[in-house]
Amino acid sequence: MTAFYINLSVSIVLIVCGFLLPPMGIIDGSVLTAVGLLLMFGVLAQVPALIAAAQHGKSIKLTKGDFSAEVSSSEDE
């Protein structure tokens, strides 16, 4: 959980600095890749918590736009 908040805060700081500071030269596409990787690591830090919740009988529902996924470990449903 700590890794999520560290990656989230670093990503936000990098994005804000990218808007406020003038570029020192040509901005390479690797900058976008680096921010994407930082956000990905923050999301991956949450995966063990989601798996543990599903193993303990809790239901998980993920929604993004028109896509929705629900995971439940109860055998009734």
N, C-alpha and C. Protein backbone atom coordinates (compact mmCIF):
# COMPACT_ATOMS: atom_id res chain seq x y z
N MET A 1 0.83 -1.19 0.00
CA MET A 1 0.00 0.00 0.00
C MET A 1 0.87 1.26 0.00
N THR A 2 1.99 1.20 0.70
CA THR A 2 2.89 2.35 0.73
C THR A 2 3.49 2.61 -0.65
N ALA A 3 3.81 1.52 -1.37
CA ALA A 3 4.37 1.68 -2.71
C ALA A 3 3.39 2.40 -3.64
N PHE A 4 2.11 2.13 -3.47
CA PHE A 4 1.09 2.80 -4.28
C PHE A 4 1.13 4.30 -4.07
N TYR A 5 1.14 4.73 -2.81
CA TYR A 5 1.12 6.16 -2.52
C TYR A 5 2.43 6.85 -2.92
N ILE A 6 3.54 6.16 -2.78
CA ILE A 6 4.82 6.74 -3.21
C ILE A 6 4.81 6.94 -4.72
N ASN A 7 4.42 5.89 -5.46
CA ASN A 7 4.38 6.00 -6.93
C ASN A 7 3.37 7.03 -7.40
N LEU A 8 2.23 7.08 -6.73
CA LEU A 8 1.22 8.06 -7.10
C LEU A 8 1.73 9.48 -6.90
N SER A 9 2.36 9.74 -5.75
CA SER A 9 2.84 11.10 -5.48
C SER A 9 3.98 11.48 -6.42
N VAL A 10 4.90 10.57 -6.70
CA VAL A 10 5.99 10.86 -7.63
C VAL A 10 5.44 11.14 -9.03
N SER A 11 4.46 10.34 -9.45
CA SER A 11 3.87 10.55 -10.77
C SER A 11 3.20 11.91 -10.87
N ILE A 12 2.48 12.29 -9.84
CA ILE A 12 1.80 13.59 -9.86
C ILE A 12 2.81 14.73 -9.88
N VAL A 13 3.88 14.60 -9.08
CA VAL A 13 4.92 15.64 -9.07
C VAL A 13 5.57 15.75 -10.44
N LEU A 14 5.87 14.63 -11.09
CA LEU A 14 6.48 14.67 -12.42
C LEU A 14 5.55 15.32 -13.45
N ILE A 15 4.28 15.00 -13.37
CA ILE A 15 3.33 15.58 -14.31
C ILE A 15 3.20 17.09 -14.09
N VAL A 16 3.11 17.52 -12.84
CA VAL A 16 3.00 18.95 -12.54
C VAL A 16 4.26 19.68 -12.97
N CYS A 17 5.44 19.10 -12.69
CA CYS A 17 6.70 19.73 -13.10
C CYS A 17 6.78 19.81 -14.62
N GLY A 18 6.25 18.81 -15.31
CA GLY A 18 6.26 18.83 -16.77
C GLY A 18 5.43 19.97 -17.33
N PHE A 19 4.37 20.36 -16.61
CA PHE A 19 3.55 21.48 -17.07
C PHE A 19 4.15 22.83 -16.69
N LEU A 20 4.81 22.91 -15.53
CA LEU A 20 5.28 24.20 -15.03
C LEU A 20 6.66 24.59 -15.54
N LEU A 21 7.56 23.63 -15.70
CA LEU A 21 8.93 23.95 -16.11
C LEU A 21 9.04 23.99 -17.63
N PRO A 22 9.78 24.96 -18.16
CA PRO A 22 9.98 24.99 -19.61
C PRO A 22 10.90 23.84 -20.02
N PRO A 23 10.69 23.28 -21.19
CA PRO A 23 11.55 22.17 -21.62
C PRO A 23 12.98 22.64 -21.90
N MET A 24 13.93 21.81 -21.52
CA MET A 24 15.34 22.13 -21.74
C MET A 24 15.79 21.73 -23.15
N GLY A 25 14.96 21.04 -23.86
CA GLY A 25 15.28 20.57 -25.21
C GLY A 25 14.09 19.83 -25.77
N ILE A 26 14.36 18.87 -26.62
CA ILE A 26 13.29 18.07 -27.21
C ILE A 26 12.78 17.07 -26.17
N ILE A 27 11.47 17.00 -26.01
CA ILE A 27 10.87 16.05 -25.08
C ILE A 27 10.70 14.72 -25.80
N ASP A 28 11.36 13.72 -25.30
CA ASP A 28 11.36 12.41 -25.93
C ASP A 28 10.13 11.61 -25.51
N GLY A 29 9.75 10.64 -26.30
CA GLY A 29 8.63 9.78 -25.96
C GLY A 29 8.88 8.93 -24.74
N SER A 30 10.16 8.80 -24.34
CA SER A 30 10.48 7.99 -23.17
C SER A 30 9.94 8.63 -21.89
N VAL A 31 9.67 9.93 -21.92
CA VAL A 31 9.10 10.60 -20.75
C VAL A 31 7.70 10.06 -20.49
N LEU A 32 6.91 9.93 -21.54
CA LEU A 32 5.56 9.37 -21.39
C LEU A 32 5.63 7.92 -20.92
N THR A 33 6.59 7.18 -21.43
CA THR A 33 6.76 5.79 -21.01
C THR A 33 7.12 5.71 -19.54
N ALA A 34 7.98 6.61 -19.07
CA ALA A 34 8.39 6.59 -17.67
C ALA A 34 7.22 6.88 -16.74
N VAL A 35 6.40 7.85 -17.09
CA VAL A 35 5.22 8.16 -16.27
C VAL A 35 4.24 6.98 -16.29
N GLY A 36 4.06 6.38 -17.45
CA GLY A 36 3.19 5.22 -17.53
C GLY A 36 3.68 4.06 -16.68
N LEU A 37 4.99 3.85 -16.67
CA LEU A 37 5.55 2.77 -15.85
C LEU A 37 5.37 3.05 -14.36
N LEU A 38 5.55 4.29 -13.95
CA LEU A 38 5.34 4.62 -12.54
C LEU A 38 3.90 4.37 -12.13
N LEU A 39 2.97 4.74 -12.97
CA LEU A 39 1.56 4.49 -12.65
C LEU A 39 1.26 2.99 -12.65
N MET A 40 1.89 2.24 -13.56
CA MET A 40 1.68 0.79 -13.60
C MET A 40 2.17 0.13 -12.33
N PHE A 41 3.33 0.54 -11.82
CA PHE A 41 3.85 -0.06 -10.59
C PHE A 41 2.92 0.24 -9.41
N GLY A 42 2.33 1.41 -9.39
CA GLY A 42 1.37 1.73 -8.33
C GLY A 42 0.14 0.85 -8.38
N VAL A 43 -0.32 0.56 -9.58
CA VAL A 43 -1.49 -0.32 -9.73
C VAL A 43 -1.13 -1.75 -9.36
N LEU A 44 0.05 -2.21 -9.81
CA LEU A 44 0.46 -3.57 -9.50
C LEU A 44 0.65 -3.79 -8.00
N ALA A 45 0.94 -2.75 -7.26
CA ALA A 45 1.08 -2.89 -5.81
C ALA A 45 -0.26 -3.22 -5.15
N GLN A 46 -1.36 -2.93 -5.83
CA GLN A 46 -2.70 -3.20 -5.28
C GLN A 46 -3.19 -4.61 -5.58
N VAL A 47 -2.56 -5.31 -6.53
CA VAL A 47 -3.03 -6.63 -6.94
C VAL A 47 -3.04 -7.64 -5.78
N PRO A 48 -1.99 -7.75 -4.95
CA PRO A 48 -2.06 -8.71 -3.84
C PRO A 48 -3.22 -8.44 -2.88
N ALA A 49 -3.55 -7.19 -2.65
CA ALA A 49 -4.68 -6.86 -1.77
C ALA A 49 -6.00 -7.31 -2.40
N LEU A 50 -6.13 -7.18 -3.70
CA LEU A 50 -7.35 -7.62 -4.37
C LEU A 50 -7.48 -9.14 -4.33
N ILE A 51 -6.37 -9.83 -4.52
CA ILE A 51 -6.41 -11.30 -4.46
C ILE A 51 -6.76 -11.78 -3.06
N ALA A 52 -6.17 -11.15 -2.04
CA ALA A 52 -6.46 -11.53 -0.66
C ALA A 52 -7.93 -11.28 -0.32
N ALA A 53 -8.48 -10.20 -0.81
CA ALA A 53 -9.89 -9.90 -0.54
C ALA A 53 -10.79 -10.94 -1.21
N ALA A 54 -10.45 -11.36 -2.41
CA ALA A 54 -11.26 -12.36 -3.10
C ALA A 54 -11.17 -13.72 -2.41
N GLN A 55 -10.01 -14.04 -1.86
CA GLN A 55 -9.84 -15.32 -1.17
C GLN A 55 -10.60 -15.37 0.14
N HIS A 56 -10.89 -14.23 0.73
CA HIS A 56 -11.61 -14.18 1.99
C HIS A 56 -13.11 -13.99 1.81
N GLY A 57 -13.61 -14.24 0.62
CA GLY A 57 -15.05 -14.21 0.38
C GLY A 57 -15.63 -12.85 0.07
N LYS A 58 -14.81 -11.89 -0.23
CA LYS A 58 -15.31 -10.56 -0.57
C LYS A 58 -15.50 -10.45 -2.07
N SER A 59 -16.43 -9.63 -2.46
CA SER A 59 -16.70 -9.42 -3.87
C SER A 59 -15.99 -8.15 -4.34
N ILE A 60 -15.41 -8.22 -5.53
CA ILE A 60 -14.69 -7.08 -6.09
C ILE A 60 -15.34 -6.72 -7.42
N LYS A 61 -15.64 -5.45 -7.62
CA LYS A 61 -16.22 -5.00 -8.88
C LYS A 61 -15.35 -3.88 -9.44
N LEU A 62 -14.87 -4.07 -10.66
CA LEU A 62 -14.05 -3.07 -11.35
C LEU A 62 -14.85 -2.52 -12.52
N THR A 63 -14.89 -1.19 -12.64
CA THR A 63 -15.63 -0.55 -13.72
C THR A 63 -14.78 0.53 -14.35
N LYS A 64 -14.71 0.52 -15.68
CA LYS A 64 -14.02 1.58 -16.43
C LYS A 64 -14.82 1.84 -17.69
N GLY A 65 -15.45 2.98 -17.75
CA GLY A 65 -16.27 3.32 -18.91
C GLY A 65 -17.43 2.34 -19.03
N ASP A 66 -17.52 1.69 -20.18
CA ASP A 66 -18.60 0.72 -20.38
C ASP A 66 -18.17 -0.71 -20.03
N PHE A 67 -16.93 -0.89 -19.56
CA PHE A 67 -16.42 -2.21 -19.18
C PHE A 67 -16.61 -2.41 -17.68
N SER A 68 -17.08 -3.59 -17.31
CA SER A 68 -17.28 -3.92 -15.90
C SER A 68 -16.87 -5.37 -15.67
N ALA A 69 -16.14 -5.62 -14.59
CA ALA A 69 -15.73 -6.98 -14.23
C ALA A 69 -15.99 -7.18 -12.74
N GLU A 70 -16.55 -8.34 -12.39
CA GLU A 70 -16.84 -8.62 -10.99
C GLU A 70 -16.22 -9.97 -10.62
N VAL A 71 -15.53 -10.00 -9.49
CA VAL A 71 -14.90 -11.22 -9.00
C VAL A 71 -15.49 -11.52 -7.64
N SER A 72 -15.94 -12.76 -7.47
CA SER A 72 -16.52 -13.18 -6.19
C SER A 72 -16.05 -14.60 -5.91
N SER A 73 -15.68 -14.88 -4.68
CA SER A 73 -15.20 -16.21 -4.35
C SER A 73 -16.26 -17.05 -3.67
N SER A 74 -17.45 -16.51 -3.48
CA SER A 74 -18.51 -17.30 -2.86
C SER A 74 -19.05 -18.29 -3.87
N GLU A 75 -19.39 -19.51 -3.40
CA GLU A 75 -19.85 -20.55 -4.31
C GLU A 75 -21.35 -20.48 -4.57
N ASP A 76 -22.09 -19.60 -3.87
CA ASP A 76 -23.53 -19.49 -4.04
C ASP A 76 -23.89 -18.89 -5.39
N GLU A 77 -23.12 -17.94 -5.85
CA GLU A 77 -23.47 -17.16 -7.04
C GLU A 77 -23.04 -17.81 -8.31
